[in-house]
Amino acid sequence: MPTRETQVPRGSLVRQDVLNAIAEFDASGREAFLERYGFNGARDYFLIHEGRRYDSKAIAAVANKWAAGGGGQALTALELSGGRTDAAKRLRELGFEVTEPTGAATSSSGGHLDRAWSRFLKNVAAVQKGAPFSNFDEGVAAAWEGYKPRLRTRALEILAPESWTPEMIGTGQILQRAIDAVEIQEDRINLTNNLVFWQNRYGHANREHRGLLEAMGRPGSRRDVEQALFGLYNGDDEARLFSELSDLLGPRYPLLAYFYFLKDMDRFMPIQPTGFDQAFRELGIDLVTLRNCRWDNYLRFNAAIGLVRDDLTSIRGISGVRLVDAHSYCWLLVKLPEAGSTGSAVDPGRVLGARAKAIVNMRLSIERTVAQANGQTVLRVVKNKDLLLDSRALEKLLEQRLEMQENRCALTGIPFDFAGTDPSLLPSPDRIDSSGHYAEGNIQVVCRFVNFWKSATENDEFLRLLDLIRHVE
């Protein structure tokens, strides 16, 4: 029997009709919605709205219920073409984002998904000493990944965004709560925030929330960050705020995604780009997040996690899979074989007197450098380096940097040897932007040997090279 496919009548649908269909989808749940109207799940074209994925053909068909001339009836699957020439095109004309087939996954992702699932089951069974995977609430999945909803609950208790008022903006209260909501390590309840790299293990420059810490001491930055966070948790435009927070705090993808995860775990997931990019490659998902901290990339990331959730539910037959479970599956997929790795501990501390002496020596070093590097021509032209602080302010700034860095190298996390037993580990002032001046916001303290190695290398490039060394296997 021939089928009848029709195009969505041009001019019949308006944006509100589609929003009505989306609201019904949300209220019913995906499986019930598709079953009610007789649609299979989409594989290529997905409508993206407020970070959530919707089956574009089904949404366009059901929107017809509210369309002028639609007679209050949804179109059937046989009455509608779902490709780029019909449903997807019409939805785009109404201002909605609809993914291309390569927007969430490659055309061969089905085979990748099958192979990844088989490997996952094998690795889980190995870790569980032969016990098979059952669901994400039991076994290694729960032991390794079950902390995330608990962490979110605790972080929201600390953040308490429902208690914020406009009068708090600029006072530091919101910012301090944000810092505390990141720096969660509560051994009593076995809960540590592993979603953001906040510990000072590899130096202050590598702490993903360092922008929050540094904004606390700068009134203008403090107000701007608090204004953006207040807006995020009070319904302001999420896309605009993502860009604003990235400008204010740096493109720290894990940090920004963490705050969005706290806002709504049904729509937003945390991210660690290197690990998830590896998982996406294995799953056949065409998406790179590393060095792509942008709103459109983050939407595609959450859509990709949604694709994995759909696969786990409809193909693997696991019931009750949440977005966070699909997120855990991706993470376990690449981390299970690496089980057993541990971090290293370091010894604290040097003598305060030696520390004070080191601060004076750093101040003198900067003043000598500036005096000898004012752009003059000797045998070569040296960089023009100005000192924008007096001696007392400079010493105070260096002391503050050491406090913030917890007496460790900003780039490596190595504890300073203030006494100079190992001269290579003496603290040394470094300009974050080597083309800039010695000024507040452009000075960090590093080990002497690190300053020598870094030389005029851009700060981010040097951090990238250090990261490569750390991850050599």
Protein backbone atom coordinates (compact mmCIF):
# COMPACT_ATOMS: atom_id res chain seq x y z
CA MET A 1 0.00 0.00 0.00
CA PRO A 2 1.56 3.31 -1.01
CA THR A 3 2.28 5.81 1.71
CA ARG A 4 1.33 9.46 1.56
CA GLU A 5 3.95 11.98 2.65
CA THR A 6 3.00 15.64 2.68
CA GLN A 7 4.92 18.75 3.46
CA VAL A 8 3.97 20.84 6.47
CA PRO A 9 1.63 23.44 4.92
CA ARG A 10 3.62 26.63 4.56
CA GLY A 11 2.24 29.43 6.68
CA SER A 12 0.16 27.10 8.84
CA LEU A 13 2.59 26.56 11.71
CA VAL A 14 3.71 29.37 13.93
CA ARG A 15 6.36 29.24 16.62
CA GLN A 16 3.85 28.96 19.47
CA ASP A 17 2.38 25.80 17.90
CA VAL A 18 5.80 24.16 18.10
CA LEU A 19 6.30 25.36 21.67
CA ASN A 20 2.96 23.77 22.57
CA ALA A 21 4.14 20.46 21.12
CA ILE A 22 7.41 20.75 23.03
CA ALA A 23 5.48 21.36 26.26
CA GLU A 24 3.42 18.21 25.66
CA PHE A 25 6.61 16.27 24.93
CA ASP A 26 8.13 17.44 28.22
CA ALA A 27 5.00 16.64 30.20
CA SER A 28 4.60 13.16 28.69
CA GLY A 29 8.20 12.05 28.36
CA ARG A 30 9.80 10.99 25.10
CA GLU A 31 8.72 7.36 25.01
CA ALA A 32 5.07 8.06 25.82
CA PHE A 33 4.94 10.99 23.40
CA LEU A 34 6.31 8.99 20.47
CA GLU A 35 4.13 5.99 21.24
CA ARG A 36 0.99 8.13 21.52
CA TYR A 37 1.47 9.59 18.04
CA GLY A 38 3.01 6.55 16.36
CA PHE A 39 6.55 7.82 15.71
CA ASN A 40 9.86 6.04 15.90
CA GLY A 41 12.74 7.87 17.54
CA ALA A 42 14.72 10.23 15.33
CA ARG A 43 18.20 9.18 14.26
CA ASP A 44 19.41 12.24 12.35
CA TYR A 45 17.37 15.41 12.80
CA PHE A 46 16.79 16.71 16.32
CA LEU A 47 15.24 19.98 17.39
CA ILE A 48 17.32 21.67 20.11
CA HIS A 49 15.37 23.91 22.48
CA GLU A 50 16.76 25.30 25.76
CA GLY A 51 19.47 22.63 25.73
CA ARG A 52 17.07 19.70 25.26
CA ARG A 53 16.73 17.41 22.24
CA TYR A 54 13.42 16.66 20.59
CA ASP A 55 12.50 14.38 17.68
CA SER A 56 11.96 17.02 15.00
CA LYS A 57 9.53 15.10 12.78
CA ALA A 58 7.29 14.14 15.70
CA ILE A 59 7.30 17.68 17.10
CA ALA A 60 6.39 19.21 13.71
CA ALA A 61 3.61 16.67 13.23
CA VAL A 62 2.07 17.18 16.67
CA ALA A 63 2.36 20.97 16.39
CA ASN A 64 -0.25 20.69 13.65
CA LYS A 65 -2.86 20.20 16.42
CA TRP A 66 -2.58 23.90 17.27
CA ALA A 67 -1.95 25.19 13.74
CA ALA A 68 -4.53 27.28 11.93
CA GLY A 69 -6.41 24.90 9.68
CA GLY A 70 -4.98 21.85 11.40
CA GLY A 71 -8.34 20.77 12.67
CA GLY A 72 -6.92 19.99 16.09
CA GLN A 73 -5.28 16.84 14.73
CA ALA A 74 -1.63 15.84 14.68
CA LEU A 75 -0.21 14.65 11.39
CA THR A 76 0.74 10.98 11.30
CA ALA A 77 4.19 9.64 10.55
CA LEU A 78 3.00 8.70 7.06
CA GLU A 79 1.72 12.19 6.35
CA LEU A 80 4.97 13.99 6.98
CA SER A 81 8.50 13.93 5.62
CA GLY A 82 11.02 14.52 8.34
CA GLY A 83 14.15 15.42 6.39
CA ARG A 84 15.82 18.70 5.64
CA THR A 85 13.29 19.63 2.92
CA ASP A 86 10.24 19.49 5.16
CA ALA A 87 9.91 19.25 8.96
CA ALA A 88 13.50 20.28 9.73
CA LYS A 89 13.37 23.10 7.22
CA ARG A 90 10.08 24.45 8.54
CA LEU A 91 11.28 24.32 12.14
CA ARG A 92 14.39 26.27 11.17
CA GLU A 93 12.24 28.85 9.40
CA LEU A 94 10.47 29.37 12.72
CA GLY A 95 13.78 30.08 14.42
CA PHE A 96 14.50 26.69 15.97
CA GLU A 97 17.84 24.90 15.88
CA VAL A 98 17.73 21.50 14.17
CA THR A 99 20.81 19.28 14.00
CA GLU A 100 22.17 17.93 10.74
CA PRO A 101 22.90 14.20 10.54
CA THR A 102 26.51 15.02 11.46
CA GLY A 103 25.42 17.36 14.25
CA ALA A 104 25.22 14.63 16.86
CA ALA A 105 26.71 11.51 15.35
CA THR A 106 28.37 10.11 12.27
CA SER A 107 26.37 8.05 9.84
CA SER A 108 28.18 4.95 11.06
CA SER A 109 27.53 5.62 14.73
CA GLY A 110 25.29 2.58 15.07
CA GLY A 111 28.23 0.21 14.61
CA HIS A 112 30.38 2.27 16.92
CA LEU A 113 27.67 2.21 19.58
CA ASP A 114 27.40 -1.58 19.36
CA ARG A 115 31.15 -2.09 19.69
CA ALA A 116 31.41 0.40 22.55
CA TRP A 117 28.57 -1.31 24.41
CA SER A 118 30.20 -4.73 24.07
CA ARG A 119 33.49 -3.35 25.34
CA PHE A 120 31.74 -1.61 28.24
CA LEU A 121 30.01 -4.83 29.34
CA LYS A 122 33.30 -6.70 29.18
CA ASN A 123 35.16 -4.11 31.25
CA VAL A 124 32.40 -3.87 33.86
CA ALA A 125 32.36 -7.63 34.29
CA ALA A 126 36.14 -7.63 34.73
CA VAL A 127 36.02 -4.95 37.42
CA GLN A 128 33.06 -6.65 39.14
CA LYS A 129 34.89 -10.00 39.18
CA GLY A 130 32.54 -11.61 36.70
CA ALA A 131 29.26 -10.01 37.81
CA PRO A 132 27.45 -8.56 34.76
CA PHE A 133 26.27 -4.99 34.38
CA SER A 134 22.65 -4.55 35.48
CA ASN A 135 21.94 -0.81 35.71
CA PHE A 136 23.49 2.47 36.72
CA ASP A 137 22.27 2.25 40.32
CA GLU A 138 24.35 -0.82 41.16
CA GLY A 139 27.89 -2.12 40.97
CA VAL A 140 30.84 -0.18 39.62
CA ALA A 141 28.62 2.39 37.87
CA ALA A 142 27.05 3.41 41.18
CA ALA A 143 30.34 3.19 43.09
CA TRP A 144 32.26 5.37 40.66
CA GLU A 145 29.61 7.72 39.32
CA GLY A 146 26.74 7.74 41.80
CA TYR A 147 28.18 10.75 43.62
CA LYS A 148 27.14 13.26 40.95
CA PRO A 149 23.49 13.78 41.97
CA ARG A 150 24.57 13.86 45.64
CA LEU A 151 27.25 16.39 44.82
CA ARG A 152 24.74 18.56 43.00
CA THR A 153 22.37 18.46 45.98
CA ARG A 154 25.15 19.48 48.37
CA ALA A 155 26.45 22.19 46.05
CA LEU A 156 22.99 23.72 45.74
CA GLU A 157 22.67 23.71 49.53
CA ILE A 158 25.88 25.75 49.69
CA LEU A 159 25.07 27.96 46.71
CA ALA A 160 21.47 28.59 47.87
CA PRO A 161 20.59 30.66 44.77
CA GLU A 162 16.95 30.93 45.89
CA SER A 163 18.13 33.19 48.73
CA TRP A 164 20.05 35.63 46.52
CA THR A 165 18.86 39.21 46.24
CA PRO A 166 19.97 41.99 43.86
CA GLU A 167 21.45 43.82 46.85
CA MET A 168 24.00 41.02 47.27
CA ILE A 169 25.57 41.70 43.85
CA GLY A 170 29.04 43.16 44.35
CA THR A 171 29.32 42.26 48.04
CA GLY A 172 31.23 39.03 47.49
CA GLN A 173 28.54 36.89 49.14
CA ILE A 174 27.40 35.23 45.91
CA LEU A 175 30.99 34.76 44.76
CA GLN A 176 32.05 33.14 48.04
CA ARG A 177 29.14 30.73 47.85
CA ALA A 178 30.12 29.88 44.28
CA ILE A 179 33.70 29.17 45.38
CA ASP A 180 32.49 27.03 48.28
CA ALA A 181 30.12 25.15 45.96
CA VAL A 182 33.13 24.26 43.80
CA GLU A 183 35.56 23.44 46.62
CA ILE A 184 33.58 20.55 48.07
CA GLN A 185 35.59 17.94 49.92
CA GLU A 186 33.63 16.49 52.81
CA ASP A 187 35.27 13.29 53.99
CA ARG A 188 32.59 12.74 56.62
CA ILE A 189 30.03 11.98 53.92
CA ASN A 190 32.56 10.72 51.37
CA LEU A 191 31.87 13.52 48.90
CA THR A 192 34.42 15.36 46.77
CA ASN A 193 33.85 17.55 43.73
CA ASN A 194 35.67 15.74 40.94
CA LEU A 195 33.79 17.59 38.20
CA VAL A 196 35.97 20.70 38.40
CA PHE A 197 39.73 20.64 38.86
CA TRP A 198 39.90 23.02 41.84
CA GLN A 199 42.61 21.52 44.05
CA ASN A 200 46.03 23.16 43.97
CA ARG A 201 47.72 19.95 42.89
CA TYR A 202 49.37 21.33 39.76
CA GLY A 203 49.56 25.00 40.67
CA HIS A 204 47.16 27.92 40.89
CA ALA A 205 47.25 28.58 37.15
CA ASN A 206 45.74 25.15 36.56
CA ARG A 207 42.83 25.55 38.99
CA GLU A 208 39.74 25.77 36.85
CA HIS A 209 38.01 28.14 39.27
CA ARG A 210 40.93 30.52 39.66
CA GLY A 211 38.87 33.24 37.97
CA LEU A 212 36.44 33.09 40.89
CA LEU A 213 39.26 33.31 43.43
CA GLU A 214 40.90 36.25 41.71
CA ALA A 215 37.63 38.13 41.15
CA MET A 216 37.08 38.20 44.91
CA GLY A 217 39.85 40.76 45.30
CA ARG A 218 38.79 42.97 42.38
CA PRO A 219 35.59 44.94 43.04
CA GLY A 220 34.73 45.42 39.36
CA SER A 221 35.25 41.78 38.46
CA ARG A 222 33.46 40.68 41.61
CA ARG A 223 30.37 42.65 40.67
CA ASP A 224 30.39 41.44 37.06
CA VAL A 225 30.75 37.77 38.02
CA GLU A 226 28.05 38.01 40.67
CA GLN A 227 25.74 39.78 38.24
CA ALA A 228 26.19 36.98 35.70
CA LEU A 229 25.67 34.21 38.26
CA PHE A 230 22.60 35.97 39.63
CA GLY A 231 21.18 36.14 36.13
CA LEU A 232 21.93 32.49 35.40
CA TYR A 233 19.93 31.26 38.38
CA ASN A 234 17.14 33.78 37.88
CA GLY A 235 16.05 32.99 34.33
CA ASP A 236 18.21 35.32 32.22
CA ASP A 237 19.38 34.31 28.74
CA GLU A 238 21.55 31.22 29.13
CA ALA A 239 23.43 31.63 25.85
CA ARG A 240 24.43 35.22 26.61
CA LEU A 241 25.47 34.37 30.17
CA PHE A 242 27.61 31.45 29.01
CA SER A 243 29.56 33.86 26.81
CA GLU A 244 29.76 36.48 29.59
CA LEU A 245 31.02 33.99 32.16
CA SER A 246 33.57 32.68 29.67
CA ASP A 247 34.87 36.23 29.17
CA LEU A 248 34.93 36.93 32.92
CA LEU A 249 36.39 33.64 34.16
CA GLY A 250 38.23 32.43 31.08
CA PRO A 251 37.03 29.65 28.76
CA ARG A 252 37.06 27.11 31.59
CA TYR A 253 34.63 24.58 30.14
CA PRO A 254 34.40 22.33 33.24
CA LEU A 255 33.67 25.30 35.51
CA LEU A 256 30.98 26.82 33.30
CA ALA A 257 29.33 23.46 32.64
CA TYR A 258 29.35 22.75 36.37
CA PHE A 259 27.26 25.83 37.14
CA TYR A 260 24.81 24.92 34.37
CA PHE A 261 24.64 21.35 35.71
CA LEU A 262 23.75 22.76 39.12
CA LYS A 263 21.01 24.82 37.50
CA ASP A 264 19.29 21.93 35.68
CA MET A 265 20.61 18.36 35.54
CA ASP A 266 17.80 17.35 33.18
CA ARG A 267 19.28 19.61 30.50
CA PHE A 268 22.93 20.25 31.30
CA MET A 269 25.82 17.94 32.09
CA PRO A 270 29.33 18.53 33.46
CA ILE A 271 32.25 18.15 31.10
CA GLN A 272 35.92 17.21 31.03
CA PRO A 273 36.76 17.72 27.35
CA THR A 274 39.66 15.29 26.96
CA GLY A 275 37.78 12.33 28.43
CA PHE A 276 34.51 12.98 26.65
CA ASP A 277 36.17 13.60 23.30
CA GLN A 278 37.77 10.18 23.66
CA ALA A 279 34.39 8.64 24.49
CA PHE A 280 32.72 10.36 21.55
CA ARG A 281 35.36 9.04 19.16
CA GLU A 282 34.71 5.52 20.39
CA LEU A 283 30.95 6.01 20.09
CA GLY A 284 31.21 7.43 16.57
CA ILE A 285 29.90 10.82 17.65
CA ASP A 286 31.27 13.65 15.56
CA LEU A 287 31.97 16.24 18.22
CA VAL A 288 35.12 17.84 19.63
CA THR A 289 34.84 19.84 22.85
CA LEU A 290 38.53 20.44 23.66
CA ARG A 291 39.32 24.15 23.26
CA ASN A 292 35.74 24.71 22.05
CA CYS A 293 34.19 26.33 25.12
CA ARG A 294 31.24 27.96 23.37
CA TRP A 295 27.48 27.85 23.89
CA ASP A 296 26.76 26.14 20.57
CA ASN A 297 29.37 23.49 21.35
CA TYR A 298 27.92 22.96 24.81
CA LEU A 299 24.44 22.47 23.34
CA ARG A 300 25.84 19.86 20.96
CA PHE A 301 27.61 18.18 23.87
CA ASN A 302 24.37 17.82 25.81
CA ALA A 303 22.59 16.68 22.65
CA ALA A 304 25.26 14.01 22.17
CA ILE A 305 24.75 12.78 25.72
CA GLY A 306 21.04 12.68 24.93
CA LEU A 307 21.75 10.55 21.86
CA VAL A 308 23.63 8.10 24.06
CA ARG A 309 20.74 8.05 26.54
CA ASP A 310 18.32 7.24 23.72
CA ASP A 311 20.56 4.40 22.58
CA LEU A 312 20.82 2.96 26.08
CA THR A 313 17.04 3.09 26.45
CA SER A 314 15.75 2.02 23.05
CA ILE A 315 18.53 -0.25 21.79
CA ARG A 316 20.10 -1.68 24.96
CA GLY A 317 16.77 -1.98 26.76
CA ILE A 318 17.81 -0.32 30.02
CA SER A 319 14.87 1.33 31.76
CA GLY A 320 14.88 4.64 33.57
CA VAL A 321 18.10 5.97 32.01
CA ARG A 322 18.64 9.61 32.97
CA LEU A 323 20.85 12.08 31.16
CA VAL A 324 23.34 11.80 34.03
CA ASP A 325 23.43 8.01 33.57
CA ALA A 326 24.33 8.40 29.91
CA HIS A 327 26.99 10.89 31.01
CA SER A 328 28.37 8.28 33.43
CA TYR A 329 28.36 5.64 30.70
CA CYS A 330 30.53 7.83 28.46
CA TRP A 331 32.95 8.50 31.30
CA LEU A 332 33.18 4.86 32.37
CA LEU A 333 33.72 3.85 28.79
CA VAL A 334 37.13 5.53 28.78
CA LYS A 335 38.01 5.36 32.48
CA LEU A 336 37.29 1.74 33.42
CA PRO A 337 40.49 0.45 31.79
CA GLU A 338 42.42 3.07 33.76
CA ALA A 339 41.12 1.95 37.17
CA GLY A 340 43.67 2.00 39.96
CA SER A 341 45.52 5.21 39.13
CA THR A 342 46.27 7.41 42.14
CA GLY A 343 47.48 10.91 42.76
CA SER A 344 50.63 11.86 44.61
CA ALA A 345 51.01 13.67 47.89
CA VAL A 346 53.50 16.42 48.59
CA ASP A 347 54.99 17.75 51.81
CA PRO A 348 53.90 21.22 52.98
CA GLY A 349 55.71 24.14 54.10
CA ARG A 350 58.83 26.20 54.64
CA VAL A 351 59.93 28.72 57.27
CA LEU A 352 58.03 32.01 57.33
CA GLY A 353 61.22 34.03 57.68
CA ALA A 354 62.63 32.51 54.50
CA ARG A 355 59.33 33.19 52.78
CA ALA A 356 59.42 36.89 53.71
CA LYS A 357 63.00 37.11 52.47
CA ALA A 358 61.99 35.46 49.20
CA ILE A 359 59.26 38.07 48.70
CA VAL A 360 61.78 40.90 49.10
CA ASN A 361 64.17 39.18 46.69
CA MET A 362 61.41 38.81 44.10
CA ARG A 363 60.50 42.48 44.45
CA LEU A 364 64.14 43.50 43.96
CA SER A 365 64.41 41.18 40.97
CA ILE A 366 61.41 42.81 39.31
CA GLU A 367 62.73 46.31 39.96
CA ARG A 368 66.14 45.39 38.50
CA THR A 369 64.51 43.80 35.47
CA VAL A 370 62.39 46.86 34.80
CA ALA A 371 65.34 49.20 35.20
CA GLN A 372 67.34 47.20 32.65
CA ALA A 373 64.53 46.57 30.17
CA ASN A 374 63.06 49.89 29.10
CA GLY A 375 63.33 49.21 25.39
CA GLN A 376 66.87 50.50 24.99
CA THR A 377 69.20 49.25 22.28
CA VAL A 378 72.42 47.67 23.50
CA LEU A 379 73.41 44.64 21.42
CA ARG A 380 69.73 43.79 20.92
CA VAL A 381 66.35 45.32 21.58
CA VAL A 382 64.82 44.05 24.81
CA LYS A 383 61.14 44.10 25.72
CA ASN A 384 59.75 47.22 27.31
CA LYS A 385 58.76 46.18 30.84
CA ASP A 386 57.15 48.71 33.16
CA LEU A 387 56.40 48.36 36.86
CA LEU A 388 52.96 49.74 37.62
CA LEU A 389 53.22 49.29 41.42
CA ASP A 390 55.35 50.88 44.12
CA SER A 391 57.64 48.69 46.25
CA ARG A 392 55.21 48.22 49.13
CA ALA A 393 52.26 47.41 46.84
CA LEU A 394 54.43 44.99 44.88
CA GLU A 395 55.50 43.08 47.99
CA LYS A 396 51.89 42.93 49.15
CA LEU A 397 50.81 41.60 45.76
CA LEU A 398 53.53 38.93 45.78
CA GLU A 399 52.50 37.90 49.29
CA GLN A 400 48.86 37.65 48.17
CA ARG A 401 49.86 35.54 45.18
CA LEU A 402 51.78 33.14 47.41
CA GLU A 403 48.79 32.88 49.74
CA MET A 404 46.43 32.20 46.86
CA GLN A 405 48.82 29.67 45.33
CA GLU A 406 49.29 28.01 48.74
CA ASN A 407 53.08 28.42 48.49
CA ARG A 408 53.24 26.35 45.32
CA CYS A 409 54.36 27.07 41.78
CA ALA A 410 51.42 28.50 39.81
CA LEU A 411 52.19 26.36 36.76
CA THR A 412 53.38 23.03 38.20
CA GLY A 413 52.07 22.87 41.76
CA ILE A 414 55.56 22.10 43.10
CA PRO A 415 56.06 23.47 46.66
CA PHE A 416 58.53 26.35 46.83
CA ASP A 417 61.85 25.94 48.63
CA PHE A 418 61.97 29.38 50.27
CA ALA A 419 65.20 28.54 52.10
CA GLY A 420 66.99 27.90 48.80
CA THR A 421 68.25 24.41 49.63
CA ASP A 422 67.34 23.64 46.03
CA PRO A 423 67.79 26.95 44.16
CA SER A 424 65.72 25.70 41.22
CA LEU A 425 62.68 25.64 43.51
CA LEU A 426 63.02 29.22 44.75
CA PRO A 427 59.98 31.40 43.92
CA SER A 428 60.34 33.58 40.85
CA PRO A 429 57.95 36.30 39.59
CA ASP A 430 56.56 35.67 36.12
CA ARG A 431 54.42 37.82 33.85
CA ILE A 432 51.41 35.78 32.74
CA ASP A 433 51.37 37.71 29.46
CA SER A 434 55.04 38.09 28.65
CA SER A 435 54.29 41.05 26.37
CA GLY A 436 52.60 42.92 29.22
CA HIS A 437 53.93 44.83 32.20
CA TYR A 438 54.45 43.94 35.84
CA ALA A 439 50.99 44.85 37.05
CA GLU A 440 48.21 43.44 39.18
CA GLY A 441 46.53 40.66 37.25
CA ASN A 442 49.65 39.90 35.19
CA ILE A 443 51.96 38.48 37.86
CA GLN A 444 52.17 34.89 39.03
CA VAL A 445 54.86 33.16 41.09
CA VAL A 446 56.57 30.10 39.66
CA CYS A 447 59.62 27.99 40.45
CA ARG A 448 62.84 29.50 39.17
CA PHE A 449 63.47 26.65 36.75
CA VAL A 450 59.92 26.96 35.39
CA ASN A 451 60.46 30.65 34.66
CA PHE A 452 63.65 29.74 32.81
CA TRP A 453 61.91 27.02 30.81
CA LYS A 454 58.85 29.12 30.02
CA SER A 455 60.84 32.14 28.90
CA ALA A 456 58.66 34.07 26.42
CA THR A 457 56.27 31.18 25.72
CA GLU A 458 52.61 32.11 25.94
CA ASN A 459 51.12 31.02 29.28
CA ASP A 460 48.35 28.85 27.80
CA GLU A 461 50.78 27.18 25.40
CA PHE A 462 53.18 26.38 28.24
CA LEU A 463 50.32 24.89 30.27
CA ARG A 464 49.34 22.79 27.27
CA LEU A 465 52.87 21.42 26.96
CA LEU A 466 53.00 20.64 30.69
CA ASP A 467 49.69 18.81 30.36
CA LEU A 468 51.14 16.71 27.54
CA ILE A 469 54.03 15.69 29.79
CA ARG A 470 51.67 14.73 32.63
CA HIS A 471 49.59 12.48 30.40
CA VAL A 472 52.37 10.60 28.64
CA GLU A 473 51.75 6.88 29.12
